[in-house]
C-alpha atoms as a PDB file:
ATOM      1  CA  UNK A   1     176.043 105.665  34.310  1.00  0.00           C
ATOM      2  CA  UNK A   2     175.279 102.159  35.397  1.00  0.00           C
ATOM      3  CA  UNK A   3     171.962 101.404  36.954  1.00  0.00           C
ATOM      4  CA  UNK A   4     171.612  99.476  40.158  1.00  0.00           C
ATOM      5  CA  UNK A   5     169.718  96.230  39.702  1.00  0.00           C
ATOM      6  CA  UNK A   6     166.037  96.183  40.728  1.00  0.00           C
ATOM      7  CA  UNK A   7     165.586  95.219  44.333  1.00  0.00           C
ATOM      8  CA  UNK A   8     162.459  93.760  45.967  1.00  0.00           C
ATOM      9  CA  UNK A   9     160.725  96.223  48.331  1.00  0.00           C
ATOM     10  CA  UNK A  10     161.529  95.508  51.903  1.00  0.00           C
ATOM     11  CA  UNK A  11     158.787  95.501  54.565  1.00  0.00           C
ATOM     12  CA  UNK A  12     158.728  98.640  56.685  1.00  0.00           C
ATOM     13  CA  UNK A  13     157.974  97.853  60.344  1.00  0.00           C
ATOM     14  CA  UNK A  14     156.851 101.453  61.061  1.00  0.00           C
ATOM     15  CA  UNK A  15     154.375 101.189  58.160  1.00  0.00           C
ATOM     16  CA  UNK A  16     152.912  97.994  59.446  1.00  0.00           C
ATOM     17  CA  UNK A  17     152.546  99.529  62.851  1.00  0.00           C
ATOM     18  CA  UNK A  18     150.690 102.443  61.333  1.00  0.00           C
ATOM     19  CA  UNK A  19     148.245 100.131  59.555  1.00  0.00           C
ATOM     20  CA  UNK A  20     147.699  98.160  62.811  1.00  0.00           C
ATOM     21  CA  UNK A  21     146.966 101.489  64.696  1.00  0.00           C
ATOM     22  CA  UNK A  22     144.665 102.805  62.000  1.00  0.00           C
ATOM     23  CA  UNK A  23     142.831  99.373  61.883  1.00  0.00           C
ATOM     24  CA  UNK A  24     142.479  99.408  65.712  1.00  0.00           C
ATOM     25  CA  UNK A  25     141.153 103.038  65.700  1.00  0.00           C
ATOM     26  CA  UNK A  26     138.611 102.109  63.077  1.00  0.00           C
ATOM     27  CA  UNK A  27     137.461  99.029  65.084  1.00  0.00           C
ATOM     28  CA  UNK A  28     137.148 101.185  68.216  1.00  0.00           C
ATOM     29  CA  UNK A  29     135.237 103.875  66.280  1.00  0.00           C
ATOM     30  CA  UNK A  30     132.834 101.237  64.670  1.00  0.00           C
ATOM     31  CA  UNK A  31     132.336  99.686  68.053  1.00  0.00           C
ATOM     32  CA  UNK A  32     131.596 103.062  69.639  1.00  0.00           C
ATOM     33  CA  UNK A  33     129.066 103.863  66.913  1.00  0.00           C
ATOM     34  CA  UNK A  34     127.423 100.406  67.258  1.00  0.00           C
ATOM     35  CA  UNK A  35     127.316 100.440  71.009  1.00  0.00           C
ATOM     36  CA  UNK A  36     126.781 104.243  71.427  1.00  0.00           C
ATOM     37  CA  UNK A  37     123.351 103.805  73.063  1.00  0.00           C
ATOM     38  CA  UNK A  38     124.631 101.419  75.702  1.00  0.00           C
ATOM     39  CA  UNK A  39     127.764 103.594  76.340  1.00  0.00           C
ATOM     40  CA  UNK A  40     125.691 106.691  76.755  1.00  0.00           C
ATOM     41  CA  UNK A  41     123.162 104.922  79.025  1.00  0.00           C
ATOM     42  CA  UNK A  42     125.927 103.529  81.345  1.00  0.00           C
ATOM     43  CA  UNK A  43     127.582 107.004  81.415  1.00  0.00           C
ATOM     44  CA  UNK A  44     124.349 108.746  82.360  1.00  0.00           C
ATOM     45  CA  UNK A  45     123.640 106.019  84.937  1.00  0.00           C
ATOM     46  CA  UNK A  46     127.084 106.620  86.501  1.00  0.00           C
ATOM     47  CA  UNK A  47     126.532 110.341  86.556  1.00  0.00           C
ATOM     48  CA  UNK A  48     123.098 109.949  88.045  1.00  0.00           C
ATOM     49  CA  UNK A  49     124.461 107.708  90.842  1.00  0.00           C
ATOM     50  CA  UNK A  50     127.354 109.874  91.720  1.00  0.00           C
ATOM     51  CA  UNK A  51     125.837 113.349  91.867  1.00  0.00           C
ATOM     52  CA  UNK A  52     123.870 114.822  94.761  1.00  0.00           C
ATOM     53  CA  UNK A  53     122.725 117.847  92.799  1.00  0.00           C
ATOM     54  CA  UNK A  54     118.904 117.695  92.414  1.00  0.00           C
ATOM     55  CA  UNK A  55     118.823 119.418  89.091  1.00  0.00           C
ATOM     56  CA  UNK A  56     121.500 117.245  87.646  1.00  0.00           C
ATOM     57  CA  UNK A  57     119.824 114.092  88.901  1.00  0.00           C
ATOM     58  CA  UNK A  58     116.579 115.168  87.153  1.00  0.00           C
ATOM     59  CA  UNK A  59     118.525 115.817  84.057  1.00  0.00           C
ATOM     60  CA  UNK A  60     120.174 112.382  83.873  1.00  0.00           C
ATOM     61  CA  UNK A  61     116.888 110.766  84.994  1.00  0.00           C
ATOM     62  CA  UNK A  62     115.125 112.394  82.032  1.00  0.00           C
ATOM     63  CA  UNK A  63     117.905 111.257  79.632  1.00  0.00           C
ATOM     64  CA  UNK A  64     117.730 107.674  80.884  1.00  0.00           C
ATOM     65  CA  UNK A  65     113.846 107.534  80.738  1.00  0.00           C
ATOM     66  CA  UNK A  66     114.001 108.810  77.150  1.00  0.00           C
ATOM     67  CA  UNK A  67     115.877 105.560  76.105  1.00  0.00           C
ATOM     68  CA  UNK A  68     113.118 103.168  77.161  1.00  0.00           C
ATOM     69  CA  UNK A  69     114.228  99.554  77.597  1.00  0.00           C
ATOM     70  CA  UNK A  70     117.855 100.500  77.003  1.00  0.00           C
ATOM     71  CA  UNK A  71     118.050 101.947  80.566  1.00  0.00           C
ATOM     72  CA  UNK A  72     116.778  98.762  82.276  1.00  0.00           C
ATOM     73  CA  UNK A  73     120.315  97.752  83.031  1.00  0.00           C
ATOM     74  CA  UNK A  74     120.912 100.993  84.932  1.00  0.00           C
ATOM     75  CA  UNK A  75     117.578 100.711  86.768  1.00  0.00           C
ATOM     76  CA  UNK A  76     118.469  97.195  87.893  1.00  0.00           C
ATOM     77  CA  UNK A  77     121.757  98.366  89.375  1.00  0.00           C
ATOM     78  CA  UNK A  78     120.062 101.245  91.171  1.00  0.00           C
ATOM     79  CA  UNK A  79     117.384  98.923  92.532  1.00  0.00           C
ATOM     80  CA  UNK A  80     120.124  96.769  94.158  1.00  0.00           C
ATOM     81  CA  UNK A  81     121.441  99.718  96.156  1.00  0.00           C
ATOM     82  CA  UNK A  82     121.152 100.034  99.870  1.00  0.00           C
ATOM     83  CA  UNK A  83     120.099 103.659  99.514  1.00  0.00           C
ATOM     84  CA  UNK A  84     116.381 104.195  99.279  1.00  0.00           C
ATOM     85  CA  UNK A  85     116.870 107.278  97.195  1.00  0.00           C
ATOM     86  CA  UNK A  86     118.751 105.370  94.486  1.00  0.00           C
ATOM     87  CA  UNK A  87     116.152 102.566  94.497  1.00  0.00           C
ATOM     88  CA  UNK A  88     113.464 105.168  93.989  1.00  0.00           C
ATOM     89  CA  UNK A  89     115.283 106.546  91.000  1.00  0.00           C
ATOM     90  CA  UNK A  90     115.698 103.001  89.623  1.00  0.00           C
ATOM     91  CA  UNK A  91     111.904 102.522  89.819  1.00  0.00           C
ATOM     92  CA  UNK A  92     111.321 105.897  88.076  1.00  0.00           C
ATOM     93  CA  UNK A  93     113.580 104.958  85.213  1.00  0.00           C
ATOM     94  CA  UNK A  94     111.295 101.887  84.522  1.00  0.00           C
ATOM     95  CA  UNK A  95     108.252 104.071  83.997  1.00  0.00           C
ATOM     96  CA  UNK A  96     109.077 104.372  80.260  1.00  0.00           C
ATOM     97  CA  UNK A  97     110.298 100.844  79.714  1.00  0.00           C
ATOM     98  CA  UNK A  98     107.931  98.274  78.434  1.00  0.00           C
ATOM     99  CA  UNK A  99     109.771  94.865  78.292  1.00  0.00           C
ATOM    100  CA  UNK A 100     109.069  91.826  80.458  1.00  0.00           C
ATOM    101  CA  UNK A 101     112.133  92.453  82.522  1.00  0.00           C
ATOM    102  CA  UNK A 102     111.135  95.926  83.507  1.00  0.00           C
ATOM    103  CA  UNK A 103     107.672  94.691  84.503  1.00  0.00           C
ATOM    104  CA  UNK A 104     109.201  91.975  86.619  1.00  0.00           C
ATOM    105  CA  UNK A 105     111.428  94.528  88.375  1.00  0.00           C
ATOM    106  CA  UNK A 106     108.489  96.876  89.081  1.00  0.00           C
ATOM    107  CA  UNK A 107     106.395  94.070  90.475  1.00  0.00           C
ATOM    108  CA  UNK A 108     109.270  93.011  92.798  1.00  0.00           C
ATOM    109  CA  UNK A 109     109.919  96.665  93.788  1.00  0.00           C
ATOM    110  CA  UNK A 110     106.229  97.160  94.867  1.00  0.00           C
ATOM    111  CA  UNK A 111     107.353  95.421  98.120  1.00  0.00           C
ATOM    112  CA  UNK A 112     110.382  97.499  98.701  1.00  0.00           C
ATOM    113  CA  UNK A 113     110.735  98.566 102.362  1.00  0.00           C
ATOM    114  CA  UNK A 114     110.902 102.227 101.331  1.00  0.00           C
ATOM    115  CA  UNK A 115     107.461 103.849 100.844  1.00  0.00           C
ATOM    116  CA  UNK A 116     108.567 106.355  98.083  1.00  0.00           C
ATOM    117  CA  UNK A 117     110.127 103.540  96.184  1.00  0.00           C
ATOM    118  CA  UNK A 118     106.980 101.428  96.462  1.00  0.00           C
ATOM    119  CA  UNK A 119     104.934 104.309  95.204  1.00  0.00           C
ATOM    120  CA  UNK A 120     107.195 104.849  92.186  1.00  0.00           C
ATOM    121  CA  UNK A 121     106.995 101.174  91.290  1.00  0.00           C
ATOM    122  CA  UNK A 122     103.204 101.151  91.621  1.00  0.00           C
ATOM    123  CA  UNK A 123     102.901 104.238  89.560  1.00  0.00           C
ATOM    124  CA  UNK A 124     105.187 102.637  86.836  1.00  0.00           C
ATOM    125  CA  UNK A 125     102.971  99.566  86.704  1.00  0.00           C
ATOM    126  CA  UNK A 126      99.777 101.609  86.253  1.00  0.00           C
ATOM    127  CA  UNK A 127     101.294 103.180  83.043  1.00  0.00           C
ATOM    128  CA  UNK A 128     101.228  99.722  81.427  1.00  0.00           C
ATOM    129  CA  UNK A 129      98.098  98.527  79.712  1.00  0.00           C
ATOM    130  CA  UNK A 130      98.544  94.839  79.856  1.00  0.00           C
ATOM    131  CA  UNK A 131      96.947  92.098  82.064  1.00  0.00           C
ATOM    132  CA  UNK A 132     100.135  91.362  83.923  1.00  0.00           C
ATOM    133  CA  UNK A 133     100.298  94.949  85.393  1.00  0.00           C
ATOM    134  CA  UNK A 134      96.567  94.950  86.043  1.00  0.00           C
ATOM    135  CA  UNK A 135      96.765  91.648  87.971  1.00  0.00           C
ATOM    136  CA  UNK A 136      99.774  92.906  89.874  1.00  0.00           C
ATOM    137  CA  UNK A 137      97.873  96.046  90.929  1.00  0.00           C
ATOM    138  CA  UNK A 138      94.862  93.986  91.964  1.00  0.00           C
ATOM    139  CA  UNK A 139      97.064  91.708  94.016  1.00  0.00           C
ATOM    140  CA  UNK A 140      98.553  94.873  95.728  1.00  0.00           C
ATOM    141  CA  UNK A 141      94.997  95.709  96.996  1.00  0.00           C
ATOM    142  CA  UNK A 142      95.648  92.882  99.548  1.00  0.00           C
ATOM    143  CA  UNK A 143      98.991  94.245 100.607  1.00  0.00           C
ATOM    144  CA  UNK A 144      99.619  94.137 104.432  1.00  0.00           C
ATOM    145  CA  UNK A 145     100.298  97.784 104.404  1.00  0.00           C
ATOM    146  CA  UNK A 146      96.923  99.597 103.908  1.00  0.00           C
ATOM    147  CA  UNK A 147      98.628 102.661 102.569  1.00  0.00           C
ATOM    148  CA  UNK A 148     100.250 100.703  99.805  1.00  0.00           C
ATOM    149  CA  UNK A 149      96.933  98.829  99.070  1.00  0.00           C
ATOM    150  CA  UNK A 150      94.982 102.050  98.753  1.00  0.00           C
ATOM    151  CA  UNK A 151      97.638 103.691  96.539  1.00  0.00           C
ATOM    152  CA  UNK A 152      97.563 100.663  94.179  1.00  0.00           C
ATOM    153  CA  UNK A 153      93.760 100.810  94.054  1.00  0.00           C
ATOM    154  CA  UNK A 154      93.981 104.555  93.287  1.00  0.00           C
ATOM    155  CA  UNK A 155      96.384 103.904  90.383  1.00  0.00           C
ATOM    156  CA  UNK A 156      93.977 101.371  88.722  1.00  0.00           C
ATOM    157  CA  UNK A 157      92.327 104.376  87.199  1.00  0.00           C
ATOM    158  CA  UNK A 158      95.524 105.259  85.240  1.00  0.00           C
ATOM    159  CA  UNK A 159      95.245 101.831  83.510  1.00  0.00           C
ATOM    160  CA  UNK A 160      92.113 103.187  81.894  1.00  0.00           C
ATOM    161  CA  UNK A 161      90.574  99.992  80.646  1.00  0.00           C
ATOM    162  CA  UNK A 162      87.251  98.232  81.156  1.00  0.00           C
ATOM    163  CA  UNK A 163      89.043  95.544  83.008  1.00  0.00           C
ATOM    164  CA  UNK A 164      90.442  98.092  85.505  1.00  0.00           C
ATOM    165  CA  UNK A 165      86.929  99.510  86.117  1.00  0.00           C
ATOM    166  CA  UNK A 166      85.573  96.105  86.638  1.00  0.00           C
ATOM    167  CA  UNK A 167      88.289  95.454  89.194  1.00  0.00           C
ATOM    168  CA  UNK A 168      87.415  98.719  90.975  1.00  0.00           C
ATOM    169  CA  UNK A 169      83.759  97.768  91.146  1.00  0.00           C
ATOM    170  CA  UNK A 170      84.597  94.402  92.609  1.00  0.00           C
ATOM    171  CA  UNK A 171      86.847  95.903  95.190  1.00  0.00           C
ATOM    172  CA  UNK A 172      84.303  98.403  96.190  1.00  0.00           C
ATOM    173  CA  UNK A 173      81.749  95.720  96.841  1.00  0.00           C
ATOM    174  CA  UNK A 174      83.734  92.847  98.193  1.00  0.00           C
ATOM    175  CA  UNK A 175      87.167  93.658  99.598  1.00  0.00           C
ATOM    176  CA  UNK A 176      87.444  92.936 103.334  1.00  0.00           C
ATOM    177  CA  UNK A 177      89.497  96.098 104.124  1.00  0.00           C
ATOM    178  CA  UNK A 178      87.136  99.128 104.595  1.00  0.00           C
ATOM    179  CA  UNK A 179      89.992 101.484 103.437  1.00  0.00           C
ATOM    180  CA  UNK A 180      90.411  99.605 100.166  1.00  0.00           C
ATOM    181  CA  UNK A 181      86.647  99.705  99.594  1.00  0.00           C
ATOM    182  CA  UNK A 182      86.697 103.510 100.350  1.00  0.00           C
ATOM    183  CA  UNK A 183      89.492 104.068  97.809  1.00  0.00           C
ATOM    184  CA  UNK A 184      87.663 102.052  95.194  1.00  0.00           C
ATOM    185  CA  UNK A 185      84.405 104.015  95.820  1.00  0.00           C
ATOM    186  CA  UNK A 186      86.141 107.298  95.467  1.00  0.00           C
ATOM    187  CA  UNK A 187      88.006 106.304  92.395  1.00  0.00           C
ATOM    188  CA  UNK A 188      84.764 105.200  90.716  1.00  0.00           C
ATOM    189  CA  UNK A 189      83.675 108.892  90.860  1.00  0.00           C
ATOM    190  CA  UNK A 190      85.521 109.241  87.606  1.00  0.00           C
ATOM    191  CA  UNK A 191      83.363 106.730  85.766  1.00  0.00           C
ATOM    192  CA  UNK A 192      79.675 107.649  84.992  1.00  0.00           C
ATOM    193  CA  UNK A 193      78.747 104.299  83.470  1.00  0.00           C
ATOM    194  CA  UNK A 194      75.514 102.525  84.492  1.00  0.00           C
ATOM    195  CA  UNK A 195      77.475  99.649  85.867  1.00  0.00           C
ATOM    196  CA  UNK A 196      79.374 101.927  88.236  1.00  0.00           C
ATOM    197  CA  UNK A 197      76.128 103.754  89.274  1.00  0.00           C
ATOM    198  CA  UNK A 198      74.708 100.427  90.206  1.00  0.00           C
ATOM    199  CA  UNK A 199      77.735  99.381  92.123  1.00  0.00           C
ATOM    200  CA  UNK A 200      77.704 102.726  94.131  1.00  0.00           C
ATOM    201  CA  UNK A 201      74.098 102.241  94.994  1.00  0.00           C
ATOM    202  CA  UNK A 202      74.941  98.876  96.559  1.00  0.00           C
ATOM    203  CA  UNK A 203      77.723 100.543  98.407  1.00  0.00           C
ATOM    204  CA  UNK A 204      75.062 102.678 100.210  1.00  0.00           C
ATOM    205  CA  UNK A 205      74.702  99.703 102.579  1.00  0.00           C
ATOM    206  CA  UNK A 206      78.434  99.737 103.435  1.00  0.00           C
ATOM    207  CA  UNK A 207      78.858 100.866 107.094  1.00  0.00           C
ATOM    208  CA  UNK A 208      82.569 100.432 106.977  1.00  0.00           C
ATOM    209  CA  UNK A 209      84.748 103.319 108.055  1.00  0.00           C
ATOM    210  CA  UNK A 210      88.520 103.579 107.610  1.00  0.00           C
ATOM    211  CA  UNK A 211      90.766 105.956 109.468  1.00  0.00           C
ATOM    212  CA  UNK A 212      93.475 105.521 106.821  1.00  0.00           C
ATOM    213  CA  UNK A 213      93.760 108.585 104.528  1.00  0.00           C
ATOM    214  CA  UNK A 214      92.946 108.031 100.864  1.00  0.00           C
ATOM    215  CA  UNK A 215      95.726 108.137  98.360  1.00  0.00           C
ATOM    216  CA  UNK A 216      95.093 111.815  97.449  1.00  0.00           C
ATOM    217  CA  UNK A 217      94.801 112.772 101.098  1.00  0.00           C
ATOM    218  CA  UNK A 218      98.106 110.918 101.756  1.00  0.00           C
ATOM    219  CA  UNK A 219      99.839 112.855  98.979  1.00  0.00           C
ATOM    220  CA  UNK A 220      98.609 116.110 100.611  1.00  0.00           C
ATOM    221  CA  UNK A 221      99.772 115.146 103.968  1.00  0.00           C
ATOM    222  CA  UNK A 222     103.195 114.245 102.646  1.00  0.00           C
ATOM    223  CA  UNK A 223     103.428 117.515 100.708  1.00  0.00           C
ATOM    224  CA  UNK A 224     102.662 119.412 103.864  1.00  0.00           C
ATOM    225  CA  UNK A 225     105.146 117.397 105.814  1.00  0.00           C
ATOM    226  CA  UNK A 226     107.829 118.228 103.213  1.00  0.00           C
ATOM    227  CA  UNK A 227     106.967 121.921 103.212  1.00  0.00           C
ATOM    228  CA  UNK A 228     106.784 122.277 106.971  1.00  0.00           C
ATOM    229  CA  UNK A 229     109.601 119.927 107.869  1.00  0.00           C
ATOM    230  CA  UNK A 230     107.465 117.951 110.239  1.00  0.00           C
ATOM    231  CA  UNK A 231     104.153 116.012 110.303  1.00  0.00           C
ATOM    232  CA  UNK A 232     101.148 118.280 110.799  1.00  0.00           C
ATOM    233  CA  UNK A 233      99.529 115.566 113.027  1.00  0.00           C
ATOM    234  CA  UNK A 234     100.871 112.364 114.573  1.00  0.00           C
ATOM    235  CA  UNK A 235     101.373 109.628 112.008  1.00  0.00           C
ATOM    236  CA  UNK A 236      98.777 107.258 113.733  1.00  0.00           C
ATOM    237  CA  UNK A 237      96.035 109.788 113.416  1.00  0.00           C
ATOM    238  CA  UNK A 238      96.801 111.461 110.065  1.00  0.00           C
ATOM    239  CA  UNK A 239      93.358 110.653 108.663  1.00  0.00           C
ATOM    240  CA  UNK A 240      91.705 112.725 111.292  1.00  0.00           C
ATOM    241  CA  UNK A 241      92.532 115.945 109.436  1.00  0.00           C
ATOM    242  CA  UNK A 242      90.083 114.851 106.751  1.00  0.00           C
ATOM    243  CA  UNK A 243      87.491 113.283 109.008  1.00  0.00           C
ATOM    244  CA  UNK A 244      86.246 109.724 108.982  1.00  0.00           C
ATOM    245  CA  UNK A 245      83.282 109.427 106.620  1.00  0.00           C
ATOM    246  CA  UNK A 246      81.752 106.028 106.349  1.00  0.00           C
ATOM    247  CA  UNK A 247      81.830 104.197 103.011  1.00  0.00           C
ATOM    248  CA  UNK A 248      78.117 104.661 102.667  1.00  0.00           C
ATOM    249  CA  UNK A 249      78.556 108.429 102.824  1.00  0.00           C
ATOM    250  CA  UNK A 250      81.447 108.256 100.370  1.00  0.00           C
ATOM    251  CA  UNK A 251      79.249 106.272  97.952  1.00  0.00           C
ATOM    252  CA  UNK A 252      76.373 108.786  98.347  1.00  0.00           C
ATOM    253  CA  UNK A 253      78.761 111.771  97.583  1.00  0.00           C
ATOM    254  CA  UNK A 254      80.061 109.909  94.501  1.00  0.00           C
ATOM    255  CA  UNK A 255      76.584 109.258  93.316  1.00  0.00           C
ATOM    256  CA  UNK A 256      75.687 112.924  93.772  1.00  0.00           C
ATOM    257  CA  UNK A 257      78.751 113.977  91.877  1.00  0.00           C
ATOM    258  CA  UNK A 258      78.010 111.637  88.932  1.00  0.00           C
ATOM    259  CA  UNK A 259      74.202 112.027  88.746  1.00  0.00           C
ATOM    260  CA  UNK A 260      73.239 115.328  90.615  1.00  0.00           C
ATOM    261  CA  UNK A 261      70.807 113.226  92.576  1.00  0.00           C
ATOM    262  CA  UNK A 262      70.887 112.460  96.348  1.00  0.00           C
ATOM    263  CA  UNK A 263      67.466 111.309  97.457  1.00  0.00           C
ATOM    264  CA  UNK A 264      68.167 112.626 100.941  1.00  0.00           C
ATOM    265  CA  UNK A 265      70.583 109.913 101.898  1.00  0.00           C
ATOM    266  CA  UNK A 266      73.442 111.996 103.264  1.00  0.00           C
ATOM    267  CA  UNK A 267      71.163 113.875 105.670  1.00  0.00           C
ATOM    268  CA  UNK A 268      68.851 111.015 106.439  1.00  0.00           C
ATOM    269  CA  UNK A 269      68.894 109.358 109.888  1.00  0.00           C
ATOM    270  CA  UNK A 270      70.153 105.723 109.922  1.00  0.00           C
ATOM    271  CA  UNK A 271      66.630 104.320 110.156  1.00  0.00           C
ATOM    272  CA  UNK A 272      65.510 106.399 107.154  1.00  0.00           C
ATOM    273  CA  UNK A 273      68.409 105.503 104.814  1.00  0.00           C
ATOM    274  CA  UNK A 274      66.766 102.314 103.731  1.00  0.00           C
ATOM    275  CA  UNK A 275      64.015 104.320 102.101  1.00  0.00           C
ATOM    276  CA  UNK A 276      66.556 106.498 100.355  1.00  0.00           C
ATOM    277  CA  UNK A 277      68.342 103.419  99.022  1.00  0.00           C
ATOM    278  CA  UNK A 278      64.978 102.107  97.658  1.00  0.00           C
ATOM    279  CA  UNK A 279      64.468 105.465  95.963  1.00  0.00           C
ATOM    280  CA  UNK A 280      67.942 105.231  94.367  1.00  0.00           C
ATOM    281  CA  UNK A 281      67.065 101.750  92.993  1.00  0.00           C
ATOM    282  CA  UNK A 282      63.739 102.900  91.527  1.00  0.00           C
ATOM    283  CA  UNK A 283      65.616 105.827  89.864  1.00  0.00           C
ATOM    284  CA  UNK A 284      68.254 103.564  88.444  1.00  0.00           C
ATOM    285  CA  UNK A 285      65.676 101.135  87.092  1.00  0.00           C
ATOM    286  CA  UNK A 286      63.805 104.010  85.461  1.00  0.00           C
ATOM    287  CA  UNK A 287      66.967 105.179  83.695  1.00  0.00           C
ATOM    288  CA  UNK A 288      68.099 101.733  82.489  1.00  0.00           C
END
């Protein structure tokens, strides 16, 4: 039997198409592996923004916060929303990010028109331990909205640094707003250092009195409001539920908490308080 002459293999178009498809699939797979973090973050952000279920929102918020700086792109999109609730979520996402861009976004958001969003941004700043965040919180102590200023001062404690305590002492002595001084005085109750004791003794001369509730009092009022579905007192007099102690009384209570001493200041008449302050100074000098 005669054999057919050898022929050159001809190209098979279907085989070429198969190789192209396989190569494309491998490329897509590799890209998905390489960009899997970004893909997941954007998907979680989409789900977060398009669900109204509270549990699901908290679930996707937790996932996004677990990615740190990778979720900044989602936070930035949420912060540009017209919906205060979405902006508040955007600020919350930034609590676990630490890059410069996240800090910039938080500082900007501290002036958001929505109170809850501002609070979330201020809380996020206080979780950073750098001087940029500390300076931003100090600047917020001069905010036109006293409630915002007092909340920022309250969050200085969370920074937990010697510089933050120095800032609190300075605010307690020198800030022009009585409410800010009151918040700083109460916050210093957490620090038993000699420098703070000396500061609080000087605050025994502060006759200022603020009707604005402290940060912790404001949180309690808001929780009651949420539970009852209505304010328990008119907004303009919310502080009245807690009374209006003067800053000198707040300082005396803080000193009693820290040292166990009082020297009769709280019960003393105004004309006798100078003698009590002198007793405090003698005691301090004998201890240091």
